[in-house]
Structure formats: C-alpha cells, structure tokens
Amino acid sequence: MQINRVSAFFKCTLATFVLVFLTSVSRAQLLDSLSLAAAPTYTNLQEALKEPANVVKLVLRKQHLKAFPAEILQLTKLQYLDISKNSISELPDSISVLSDLQYFACSKTGLKTLPKEIGQLKKLVYLNLNQNDLQYLPPQIGNLDKLEILDLWSNSFEEYPSTLGGLKVLKVIDLRNILISEETQTNLKSQMPNATVHMSPSCKCKW
C-alpha cells in the first residue's frame, strides 16, 4: 500500500512538472515570419479582449484612435501590433509588458516622443515609426539587439544616439525625407556599417 502511495505521488509530481514545463515553452514560443503573417488577425480590440490569451496579431489601423488604448497592454502574448494612421502622440512607458512583440508599426500617428522602455522590447525584429513628429530617439533603442528593420522615414530628428551602433543585426534603416548634414550622414553610416542606410541627399545644415 505504501509503495502504491509513493508511486502515485511521484506520478502526480511528474505530471505537474511536465505541465509547468509545457506551459513555459508555450509562452516562450515565437512564430516565425511566415507563421506570423498567416496568424489570425484581430481588427477589433473588444473582440480581442474576449480571448486575450489567444491574440498574437492585432491590427487597429485607421480606427480614429485619439490615444494609445491601454487595454492593448492586457494582450501580453502579442507578437504583431499595428496601430498606424491614428492620432497617437505618445506611447505608454508600460508598453514594455508586450515583451513578445516582433513586429510593431506606429506610423503616421503624430507620434512626438518614444519612451525609453521601447528598449525593453528585446524580441522586436521590425519597427516602423515613419511619418511622425519624432525629434529624438532614446539611447535605449540600441538595446534592440534582434532588430533587423528600422523605418524612421519622414520625421524631424535633430540628433541621433550613438547607441544605434548597438543594433548588430540591423539590415535596413530608412532615414529619408529628413534633413541630415553630410557630416552626420557619414557618422551614421560608420555607426551601422553592416546595415543599408537609406537617406536623402545631405543638407547644408548644422544643428
């Protein structure tokens, strides 16, 4: 009888361990680019909030948003988020809770500032902030060591952090339609020697 009890105990413990392990793996699993592109797309935030554990892809383009919806932060398994073409002048510091984000687009929203917590989204591969009103990038942008595509086309940058050199796997950065002096263009290219750096012709300007 005692042996059976011990055996049942170990079986229960093993089952619990396996369940915890599988849950941990499931939470950590990221979709590859093809799977992410084909994943079910939620275009209604209220519908997404009905099953937050299943939402990996949320697209809220052109939905007349006047600010970043705080409810999005409940979707902690998001890997793809597009909130472009709304009116969103700032992102919350707590955006860092979306730690599985691989694709983030916030273009043409009137974005004026980028929180330093953006650097905590360590799984980002693609970041699109084009056609906004950004004047600077936080130094923490250089912590995005998996970032491959950075689209900053048509912003109002006056300076660029040296930490851009920390983007070791960056393939493309788009800085077109921004006034950049020849000296700064040269410096930027030297910081990111392995990336294709798109820029408009240099200006005769000094900041």
C-alpha atoms as a PDB file:
ATOM      1  CA  MET A   1       0.000   0.000   0.000  1.00  0.00           C
ATOM      2  CA  GLN A   2       2.815   2.386   0.960  1.00  0.00           C
ATOM      3  CA  ILE A   3       4.617   1.677  -2.313  1.00  0.00           C
ATOM      4  CA  ASN A   4       1.478   2.473  -4.296  1.00  0.00           C
ATOM      5  CA  ARG A   5       1.100   5.768  -2.462  1.00  0.00           C
ATOM      6  CA  VAL A   6       4.712   6.719  -3.167  1.00  0.00           C
ATOM      7  CA  SER A   7       4.320   5.726  -6.805  1.00  0.00           C
ATOM      8  CA  ALA A   8       1.133   7.790  -7.120  1.00  0.00           C
ATOM      9  CA  PHE A   9       2.898  10.758  -5.503  1.00  0.00           C
ATOM     10  CA  PHE A  10       5.775  10.660  -7.969  1.00  0.00           C
ATOM     11  CA  LYS A  11       3.407  10.268 -10.898  1.00  0.00           C
ATOM     12  CA  CYS A  12       1.455  13.311  -9.763  1.00  0.00           C
ATOM     13  CA  THR A  13       4.661  15.311  -9.244  1.00  0.00           C
ATOM     14  CA  LEU A  14       5.964  14.309 -12.668  1.00  0.00           C
ATOM     15  CA  ALA A  15       2.682  15.254 -14.324  1.00  0.00           C
ATOM     16  CA  THR A  16       2.754  18.643 -12.623  1.00  0.00           C
ATOM     17  CA  PHE A  17       6.359  19.218 -13.734  1.00  0.00           C
ATOM     18  CA  VAL A  18       5.549  18.310 -17.342  1.00  0.00           C
ATOM     19  CA  LEU A  19       2.515  20.618 -17.346  1.00  0.00           C
ATOM     20  CA  VAL A  20       4.525  23.543 -15.986  1.00  0.00           C
ATOM     21  CA  PHE A  21       7.324  22.878 -18.478  1.00  0.00           C
ATOM     22  CA  LEU A  22       4.985  22.708 -21.467  1.00  0.00           C
ATOM     23  CA  THR A  23       3.191  25.864 -20.369  1.00  0.00           C
ATOM     24  CA  SER A  24       6.533  27.638 -20.075  1.00  0.00           C
ATOM     25  CA  VAL A  25       7.587  26.504 -23.555  1.00  0.00           C
ATOM     26  CA  SER A  26       4.236  27.576 -24.997  1.00  0.00           C
ATOM     27  CA  ARG A  27       4.581  31.033 -23.518  1.00  0.00           C
ATOM     28  CA  ALA A  28       8.106  31.409 -24.819  1.00  0.00           C
ATOM     29  CA  GLN A  29       7.338  30.181 -28.340  1.00  0.00           C
ATOM     30  CA  LEU A  30       7.611  32.831 -31.041  1.00  0.00           C
ATOM     31  CA  LEU A  31       6.183  32.448 -34.508  1.00  0.00           C
ATOM     32  CA  ASP A  32       8.484  32.715 -37.498  1.00  0.00           C
ATOM     33  CA  SER A  33       7.761  35.456 -40.026  1.00  0.00           C
ATOM     34  CA  LEU A  34       5.642  33.267 -42.323  1.00  0.00           C
ATOM     35  CA  SER A  35       3.562  31.856 -39.467  1.00  0.00           C
ATOM     36  CA  LEU A  36       3.113  35.332 -38.022  1.00  0.00           C
ATOM     37  CA  ALA A  37       1.953  36.683 -41.379  1.00  0.00           C
ATOM     38  CA  ALA A  38      -0.610  33.881 -41.603  1.00  0.00           C
ATOM     39  CA  ALA A  39      -1.764  34.086 -37.974  1.00  0.00           C
ATOM     40  CA  PRO A  40      -5.401  35.047 -37.238  1.00  0.00           C
ATOM     41  CA  THR A  41      -5.675  38.834 -37.339  1.00  0.00           C
ATOM     42  CA  TYR A  42      -7.822  40.705 -34.839  1.00  0.00           C
ATOM     43  CA  THR A  43      -9.020  44.095 -36.062  1.00  0.00           C
ATOM     44  CA  ASN A  44     -11.417  44.834 -33.209  1.00  0.00           C
ATOM     45  CA  LEU A  45      -9.937  45.451 -29.774  1.00  0.00           C
ATOM     46  CA  GLN A  46     -13.074  44.485 -27.869  1.00  0.00           C
ATOM     47  CA  GLU A  47     -13.217  41.152 -29.676  1.00  0.00           C
ATOM     48  CA  ALA A  48      -9.555  40.555 -28.916  1.00  0.00           C
ATOM     49  CA  LEU A  49     -10.104  41.245 -25.216  1.00  0.00           C
ATOM     50  CA  LYS A  50     -12.615  38.382 -25.049  1.00  0.00           C
ATOM     51  CA  GLU A  51      -9.785  35.856 -25.501  1.00  0.00           C
ATOM     52  CA  PRO A  52      -6.544  37.697 -24.683  1.00  0.00           C
ATOM     53  CA  ALA A  53      -4.506  34.510 -24.315  1.00  0.00           C
ATOM     54  CA  ASN A  54      -5.074  33.650 -27.999  1.00  0.00           C
ATOM     55  CA  VAL A  55      -4.257  37.013 -29.550  1.00  0.00           C
ATOM     56  CA  VAL A  56      -0.850  37.239 -31.218  1.00  0.00           C
ATOM     57  CA  LYS A  57      -1.728  39.646 -34.044  1.00  0.00           C
ATOM     58  CA  LEU A  58      -3.674  42.895 -33.657  1.00  0.00           C
ATOM     59  CA  VAL A  59      -4.220  45.443 -36.433  1.00  0.00           C
ATOM     60  CA  LEU A  60      -6.002  48.691 -35.499  1.00  0.00           C
ATOM     61  CA  ARG A  61      -5.139  50.873 -38.496  1.00  0.00           C
ATOM     62  CA  LYS A  62      -7.397  53.831 -39.339  1.00  0.00           C
ATOM     63  CA  GLN A  63      -9.698  53.377 -36.350  1.00  0.00           C
ATOM     64  CA  HIS A  64      -9.781  57.048 -35.313  1.00  0.00           C
ATOM     65  CA  LEU A  65      -7.932  56.362 -32.071  1.00  0.00           C
ATOM     66  CA  LYS A  66      -7.056  59.530 -30.150  1.00  0.00           C
ATOM     67  CA  ALA A  67      -4.553  57.864 -27.819  1.00  0.00           C
ATOM     68  CA  PHE A  68      -2.846  54.535 -27.292  1.00  0.00           C
ATOM     69  CA  PRO A  69      -5.553  52.183 -25.930  1.00  0.00           C
ATOM     70  CA  ALA A  70      -4.394  50.998 -22.510  1.00  0.00           C
ATOM     71  CA  GLU A  71      -6.417  47.808 -22.975  1.00  0.00           C
ATOM     72  CA  ILE A  72      -3.859  46.598 -25.524  1.00  0.00           C
ATOM     73  CA  LEU A  73      -1.483  46.002 -22.620  1.00  0.00           C
ATOM     74  CA  GLN A  74      -3.720  43.151 -21.486  1.00  0.00           C
ATOM     75  CA  LEU A  75      -2.751  41.221 -24.620  1.00  0.00           C
ATOM     76  CA  THR A  76       0.596  40.109 -23.266  1.00  0.00           C
ATOM     77  CA  LYS A  77       1.116  37.441 -25.953  1.00  0.00           C
ATOM     78  CA  LEU A  78       1.028  39.921 -28.811  1.00  0.00           C
ATOM     79  CA  GLN A  79       3.745  39.381 -31.383  1.00  0.00           C
ATOM     80  CA  TYR A  80       2.370  41.699 -34.086  1.00  0.00           C
ATOM     81  CA  LEU A  81       0.839  45.130 -33.426  1.00  0.00           C
ATOM     82  CA  ASP A  82      -0.114  47.762 -35.992  1.00  0.00           C
ATOM     83  CA  ILE A  83      -1.705  50.999 -34.752  1.00  0.00           C
ATOM     84  CA  SER A  84      -0.755  53.146 -37.744  1.00  0.00           C
ATOM     85  CA  LYS A  85      -2.820  56.019 -39.175  1.00  0.00           C
ATOM     86  CA  ASN A  86      -4.470  57.042 -35.910  1.00  0.00           C
ATOM     87  CA  SER A  87      -3.849  60.047 -33.638  1.00  0.00           C
ATOM     88  CA  ILE A  88      -1.369  58.770 -31.060  1.00  0.00           C
ATOM     89  CA  SER A  89       1.154  61.356 -29.910  1.00  0.00           C
ATOM     90  CA  GLU A  90       2.825  59.170 -27.282  1.00  0.00           C
ATOM     91  CA  LEU A  91       3.248  55.589 -26.188  1.00  0.00           C
ATOM     92  CA  PRO A  92       2.927  54.478 -22.553  1.00  0.00           C
ATOM     93  CA  ASP A  93       6.034  53.545 -20.570  1.00  0.00           C
ATOM     94  CA  SER A  94       4.254  50.285 -19.767  1.00  0.00           C
ATOM     95  CA  ILE A  95       4.477  49.190 -23.397  1.00  0.00           C
ATOM     96  CA  SER A  96       7.358  47.066 -22.140  1.00  0.00           C
ATOM     97  CA  VAL A  97       4.824  44.468 -20.904  1.00  0.00           C
ATOM     98  CA  LEU A  98       4.350  43.452 -24.559  1.00  0.00           C
ATOM     99  CA  SER A  99       7.623  41.588 -24.323  1.00  0.00           C
ATOM    100  CA  ASP A 100       6.860  39.137 -27.174  1.00  0.00           C
ATOM    101  CA  LEU A 101       6.381  41.841 -29.826  1.00  0.00           C
ATOM    102  CA  GLN A 102       8.319  41.077 -33.002  1.00  0.00           C
ATOM    103  CA  TYR A 103       6.528  43.470 -35.370  1.00  0.00           C
ATOM    104  CA  PHE A 104       5.425  46.941 -34.258  1.00  0.00           C
ATOM    105  CA  ALA A 105       4.071  49.610 -36.597  1.00  0.00           C
ATOM    106  CA  CYS A 106       3.099  53.044 -35.319  1.00  0.00           C
ATOM    107  CA  SER A 107       3.418  55.139 -38.461  1.00  0.00           C
ATOM    108  CA  LYS A 108       1.563  58.323 -39.395  1.00  0.00           C
ATOM    109  CA  THR A 109       0.082  58.822 -35.931  1.00  0.00           C
ATOM    110  CA  GLY A 110       1.651  62.169 -34.952  1.00  0.00           C
ATOM    111  CA  LEU A 111       3.954  60.400 -32.513  1.00  0.00           C
ATOM    112  CA  LYS A 112       6.140  63.020 -30.782  1.00  0.00           C
ATOM    113  CA  THR A 113       8.101  61.021 -28.231  1.00  0.00           C
ATOM    114  CA  LEU A 114       9.310  57.480 -27.817  1.00  0.00           C
ATOM    115  CA  PRO A 115       9.611  56.125 -24.260  1.00  0.00           C
ATOM    116  CA  LYS A 116      12.938  54.708 -23.142  1.00  0.00           C
ATOM    117  CA  GLU A 117      11.069  51.480 -22.308  1.00  0.00           C
ATOM    118  CA  ILE A 118      10.951  50.734 -26.041  1.00  0.00           C
ATOM    119  CA  GLY A 119      14.411  49.290 -25.453  1.00  0.00           C
ATOM    120  CA  GLN A 120      12.875  46.517 -23.343  1.00  0.00           C
ATOM    121  CA  LEU A 121      11.052  45.021 -26.327  1.00  0.00           C
ATOM    122  CA  LYS A 122      14.006  42.741 -26.901  1.00  0.00           C
ATOM    123  CA  LYS A 123      12.281  40.494 -29.439  1.00  0.00           C
ATOM    124  CA  LEU A 124      11.486  43.262 -31.924  1.00  0.00           C
ATOM    125  CA  VAL A 125      12.596  42.435 -35.453  1.00  0.00           C
ATOM    126  CA  TYR A 126      10.652  45.160 -37.285  1.00  0.00           C
ATOM    127  CA  LEU A 127       9.911  48.683 -36.023  1.00  0.00           C
ATOM    128  CA  ASN A 128       8.050  51.199 -38.191  1.00  0.00           C
ATOM    129  CA  LEU A 129       7.756  54.779 -36.894  1.00  0.00           C
ATOM    130  CA  ASN A 130       7.687  56.616 -40.199  1.00  0.00           C
ATOM    131  CA  GLN A 131       5.790  59.856 -40.987  1.00  0.00           C
ATOM    132  CA  ASN A 132       5.698  61.063 -37.388  1.00  0.00           C
ATOM    133  CA  ASP A 133       6.989  64.088 -35.438  1.00  0.00           C
ATOM    134  CA  LEU A 134       9.853  62.450 -33.558  1.00  0.00           C
ATOM    135  CA  GLN A 135      12.773  64.744 -32.775  1.00  0.00           C
ATOM    136  CA  TYR A 136      14.982  62.255 -30.995  1.00  0.00           C
ATOM    137  CA  LEU A 137      15.424  58.576 -30.223  1.00  0.00           C
ATOM    138  CA  PRO A 138      16.056  57.378 -26.664  1.00  0.00           C
ATOM    139  CA  PRO A 139      19.515  55.807 -26.211  1.00  0.00           C
ATOM    140  CA  GLN A 140      17.776  52.578 -25.180  1.00  0.00           C
ATOM    141  CA  ILE A 141      16.909  51.996 -28.842  1.00  0.00           C
ATOM    142  CA  GLY A 142      20.336  50.389 -29.046  1.00  0.00           C
ATOM    143  CA  ASN A 143      19.176  47.567 -26.751  1.00  0.00           C
ATOM    144  CA  LEU A 144      17.040  46.056 -29.512  1.00  0.00           C
ATOM    145  CA  ASP A 145      19.657  43.504 -30.449  1.00  0.00           C
ATOM    146  CA  LYS A 146      17.300  41.471 -32.680  1.00  0.00           C
ATOM    147  CA  LEU A 147      16.066  44.447 -34.693  1.00  0.00           C
ATOM    148  CA  GLU A 148      16.518  43.984 -38.450  1.00  0.00           C
ATOM    149  CA  ILE A 149      14.317  46.712 -39.976  1.00  0.00           C
ATOM    150  CA  LEU A 150      14.010  50.254 -38.570  1.00  0.00           C
ATOM    151  CA  ASP A 151      11.792  52.614 -40.597  1.00  0.00           C
ATOM    152  CA  LEU A 152      12.115  56.249 -39.486  1.00  0.00           C
ATOM    153  CA  TRP A 153      11.315  57.875 -42.830  1.00  0.00           C
ATOM    154  CA  SER A 154       9.980  61.436 -42.624  1.00  0.00           C
ATOM    155  CA  ASN A 155      10.486  62.519 -39.021  1.00  0.00           C
ATOM    156  CA  SER A 156      12.096  65.627 -37.513  1.00  0.00           C
ATOM    157  CA  PHE A 157      15.227  64.272 -35.867  1.00  0.00           C
ATOM    158  CA  GLU A 158      17.802  66.771 -34.697  1.00  0.00           C
ATOM    159  CA  GLU A 159      20.229  64.248 -33.231  1.00  0.00           C
ATOM    160  CA  TYR A 160      20.879  60.529 -33.204  1.00  0.00           C
ATOM    161  CA  PRO A 161      22.127  58.421 -30.279  1.00  0.00           C
ATOM    162  CA  SER A 162      25.484  56.707 -30.614  1.00  0.00           C
ATOM    163  CA  THR A 163      23.770  53.555 -29.339  1.00  0.00           C
ATOM    164  CA  LEU A 164      22.432  52.938 -32.842  1.00  0.00           C
ATOM    165  CA  GLY A 165      25.744  51.170 -33.264  1.00  0.00           C
ATOM    166  CA  GLY A 166      24.435  48.530 -30.858  1.00  0.00           C
ATOM    167  CA  LEU A 167      21.944  47.275 -33.435  1.00  0.00           C
ATOM    168  CA  LYS A 168      24.260  44.476 -34.526  1.00  0.00           C
ATOM    169  CA  VAL A 169      21.836  42.571 -36.765  1.00  0.00           C
ATOM    170  CA  LEU A 170      20.206  45.639 -38.322  1.00  0.00           C
ATOM    171  CA  LYS A 171      19.768  45.140 -42.057  1.00  0.00           C
ATOM    172  CA  VAL A 172      17.935  48.302 -43.127  1.00  0.00           C
ATOM    173  CA  ILE A 173      17.335  51.720 -41.605  1.00  0.00           C
ATOM    174  CA  ASP A 174      15.312  54.318 -43.518  1.00  0.00           C
ATOM    175  CA  LEU A 175      16.118  57.955 -42.741  1.00  0.00           C
ATOM    176  CA  ARG A 176      14.853  59.505 -45.963  1.00  0.00           C
ATOM    177  CA  ASN A 177      12.944  62.765 -46.080  1.00  0.00           C
ATOM    178  CA  ILE A 178      14.867  64.043 -43.045  1.00  0.00           C
ATOM    179  CA  LEU A 179      17.304  66.974 -43.141  1.00  0.00           C
ATOM    180  CA  ILE A 180      20.691  65.496 -42.269  1.00  0.00           C
ATOM    181  CA  SER A 181      24.061  67.170 -42.759  1.00  0.00           C
ATOM    182  CA  GLU A 182      26.780  65.429 -44.724  1.00  0.00           C
ATOM    183  CA  GLU A 183      28.890  65.035 -41.579  1.00  0.00           C
ATOM    184  CA  THR A 184      26.039  63.406 -39.664  1.00  0.00           C
ATOM    185  CA  GLN A 185      25.270  61.117 -42.583  1.00  0.00           C
ATOM    186  CA  THR A 186      28.873  59.953 -42.597  1.00  0.00           C
ATOM    187  CA  ASN A 187      28.780  59.344 -38.850  1.00  0.00           C
ATOM    188  CA  LEU A 188      25.549  57.387 -39.056  1.00  0.00           C
ATOM    189  CA  LYS A 189      26.892  55.124 -41.775  1.00  0.00           C
ATOM    190  CA  SER A 190      30.034  54.465 -39.764  1.00  0.00           C
ATOM    191  CA  GLN A 191      27.927  53.503 -36.719  1.00  0.00           C
ATOM    192  CA  MET A 192      25.979  50.917 -38.704  1.00  0.00           C
ATOM    193  CA  PRO A 193      28.473  49.509 -41.230  1.00  0.00           C
ATOM    194  CA  ASN A 194      26.519  46.284 -41.811  1.00  0.00           C
ATOM    195  CA  ALA A 195      23.166  47.955 -42.488  1.00  0.00           C
ATOM    196  CA  THR A 196      21.774  49.542 -45.623  1.00  0.00           C
ATOM    197  CA  VAL A 197      21.203  53.168 -44.600  1.00  0.00           C
ATOM    198  CA  HIS A 198      18.683  54.999 -46.776  1.00  0.00           C
ATOM    199  CA  MET A 199      18.999  58.804 -46.661  1.00  0.00           C
ATOM    200  CA  SER A 200      18.000  61.739 -48.829  1.00  0.00           C
ATOM    201  CA  PRO A 201      20.793  63.961 -50.228  1.00  0.00           C
ATOM    202  CA  SER A 202      22.588  65.760 -47.409  1.00  0.00           C
ATOM    203  CA  CYS A 203      21.603  69.290 -46.441  1.00  0.00           C
ATOM    204  CA  LYS A 204      23.786  72.334 -45.777  1.00  0.00           C
ATOM    205  CA  CYS A 205      22.596  72.420 -42.208  1.00  0.00           C
ATOM    206  CA  LYS A 206      24.075  72.438 -38.715  1.00  0.00           C
ATOM    207  CA  TRP A 207      22.102  71.821 -35.566  1.00  0.00           C
END
